Amino acid sequence: MDFHVRLENLVEEKNVTQKQLSMELHIASTTLSGYINNHREPDFSTLIRMAHYFDVSTDYLLGLSDEKKPVPSSLNSSEGALIHIYRSLVPERQDLLMEQAKFYQWLTSKNPTDGK
């Protein structure tokens, strides 16, 4: 997905007007309109401000990643893979995965030696 499409989607998700956003980012409303209409691209500092404002990564804004926020680096590879799998599922399947995880957690609490 292109930058201008992601930006437009984020503006809609956040339910903010272009005028409000341009004021928050300290840019002209015509400049923001140029970004959304794919007539211009932001400089690095503006891109970073956008990422902070929308709480997403610059990689997400640029279309380099479909993850809005990267997996925290404190996770090991299995934990990161689990998060990636979870995020790739439709909400109904996410709910099922959570129910399974809760079930395994419950089993472990009933028999602590199963989790070791």
Protein backbone atom coordinates (compact mmCIF):
# COMPACT_ATOMS: atom_id res chain seq x y z
CA MET A 1 0.00 0.00 0.00
CA ASP A 2 1.32 3.44 -0.91
CA PHE A 3 2.20 6.17 1.58
CA HIS A 4 -0.69 8.45 0.60
CA VAL A 5 -3.23 5.64 1.05
CA ARG A 6 -1.86 4.72 4.48
CA LEU A 7 -1.86 8.35 5.52
CA GLU A 8 -5.44 8.82 4.39
CA ASN A 9 -6.49 5.64 6.25
CA LEU A 10 -4.76 6.79 9.44
CA VAL A 11 -6.45 10.19 9.24
CA GLU A 12 -9.83 8.44 8.96
CA GLU A 13 -9.03 5.96 11.76
CA LYS A 14 -7.97 8.76 14.10
CA ASN A 15 -11.08 10.74 13.07
CA VAL A 16 -9.12 13.95 12.70
CA THR A 17 -9.60 16.63 10.06
CA GLN A 18 -6.81 17.55 7.68
CA LYS A 19 -6.80 21.04 9.17
CA GLN A 20 -6.39 19.65 12.71
CA LEU A 21 -3.62 17.31 11.58
CA SER A 22 -1.74 20.00 9.70
CA MET A 23 -1.80 22.15 12.84
CA GLU A 24 -0.58 19.22 14.99
CA LEU A 25 2.26 18.47 12.55
CA HIS A 26 3.13 22.17 12.06
CA ILE A 27 2.72 22.02 8.30
CA ALA A 28 0.52 23.93 5.86
CA SER A 29 -2.84 22.33 5.12
CA THR A 30 -1.99 22.51 1.42
CA THR A 31 1.17 20.50 2.11
CA LEU A 32 -0.81 17.82 3.94
CA SER A 33 -3.32 17.76 1.11
CA GLY A 34 -0.43 17.20 -1.29
CA TYR A 35 0.68 14.17 0.75
CA ILE A 36 -2.81 12.68 0.82
CA ASN A 37 -3.41 13.33 -2.88
CA ASN A 38 -0.03 11.82 -3.80
CA HIS A 39 1.38 15.07 -5.20
CA ARG A 40 4.23 15.35 -2.72
CA GLU A 41 6.16 13.41 -0.12
CA PRO A 42 7.17 14.49 3.38
CA ASP A 43 10.71 15.16 4.47
CA PHE A 44 12.24 12.93 7.15
CA SER A 45 11.35 15.11 10.12
CA THR A 46 7.71 15.38 9.02
CA LEU A 47 7.54 11.63 8.44
CA ILE A 48 8.84 11.06 11.98
CA ARG A 49 6.29 13.50 13.44
CA MET A 50 3.54 11.64 11.56
CA ALA A 51 4.73 8.30 12.93
CA HIS A 52 4.71 9.68 16.48
CA TYR A 53 1.31 11.30 16.03
CA PHE A 54 -0.34 8.13 14.68
CA ASP A 55 1.72 5.81 16.92
CA VAL A 56 2.98 3.77 13.97
CA SER A 57 6.44 3.05 12.60
CA THR A 58 7.94 4.97 9.72
CA ASP A 59 8.30 1.61 7.96
CA TYR A 60 4.54 1.22 8.15
CA LEU A 61 3.95 4.71 6.74
CA LEU A 62 6.38 4.05 3.90
CA GLY A 63 4.81 0.70 3.05
CA LEU A 64 7.86 -1.32 4.07
CA SER A 65 5.90 -3.18 6.74
CA ASP A 66 2.27 -4.08 7.28
CA GLU A 67 2.79 -4.00 11.05
CA LYS A 68 1.82 -0.63 12.49
CA LYS A 69 4.16 -1.15 15.41
CA PRO A 70 7.19 -3.44 15.38
CA VAL A 71 7.37 -6.35 17.78
CA PRO A 72 9.28 -5.26 20.91
CA SER A 73 12.89 -6.37 20.74
CA SER A 74 12.74 -7.88 24.23
CA LEU A 75 10.78 -10.81 22.79
CA ASN A 76 12.54 -13.95 21.66
CA SER A 77 11.98 -15.22 18.12
CA SER A 78 9.19 -17.64 19.12
CA GLU A 79 7.31 -14.89 20.95
CA GLY A 80 7.74 -12.56 17.98
CA ALA A 81 6.53 -15.27 15.60
CA LEU A 82 3.47 -15.85 17.77
CA ILE A 83 2.61 -12.15 17.71
CA HIS A 84 3.10 -12.08 13.94
CA ILE A 85 0.77 -15.07 13.51
CA TYR A 86 -1.83 -13.52 15.80
CA ARG A 87 -1.79 -10.21 13.93
CA SER A 88 -2.17 -11.94 10.58
CA LEU A 89 -5.42 -13.64 11.62
CA VAL A 90 -8.95 -12.30 11.20
CA PRO A 91 -10.51 -11.20 14.51
CA GLU A 92 -12.56 -14.39 14.91
CA ARG A 93 -9.44 -16.55 14.63
CA GLN A 94 -7.58 -14.24 17.01
CA ASP A 95 -10.32 -14.90 19.55
CA LEU A 96 -9.96 -18.67 19.04
CA LEU A 97 -6.19 -18.48 19.47
CA MET A 98 -6.64 -16.52 22.71
CA GLU A 99 -9.09 -19.12 24.01
CA GLN A 100 -6.58 -21.89 23.26
CA ALA A 101 -3.81 -19.97 25.00
CA LYS A 102 -6.02 -19.43 28.06
CA PHE A 103 -6.84 -23.13 28.08
CA TYR A 104 -3.13 -24.09 28.06
CA GLN A 105 -2.48 -21.53 30.78
CA TRP A 106 -5.29 -23.06 32.85
CA LEU A 107 -3.87 -26.57 32.31
CA THR A 108 -0.47 -25.39 33.49
CA SER A 109 -1.96 -23.83 36.61
CA LYS A 110 -3.65 -27.16 37.43
CA ASN A 111 -0.47 -29.16 36.83
CA PRO A 112 2.58 -26.86 37.05
CA THR A 113 4.99 -29.61 35.96
CA ASP A 114 3.31 -29.69 32.48
CA GLY A 115 4.74 -26.28 31.65
CA LYS A 116 8.35 -27.29 32.35
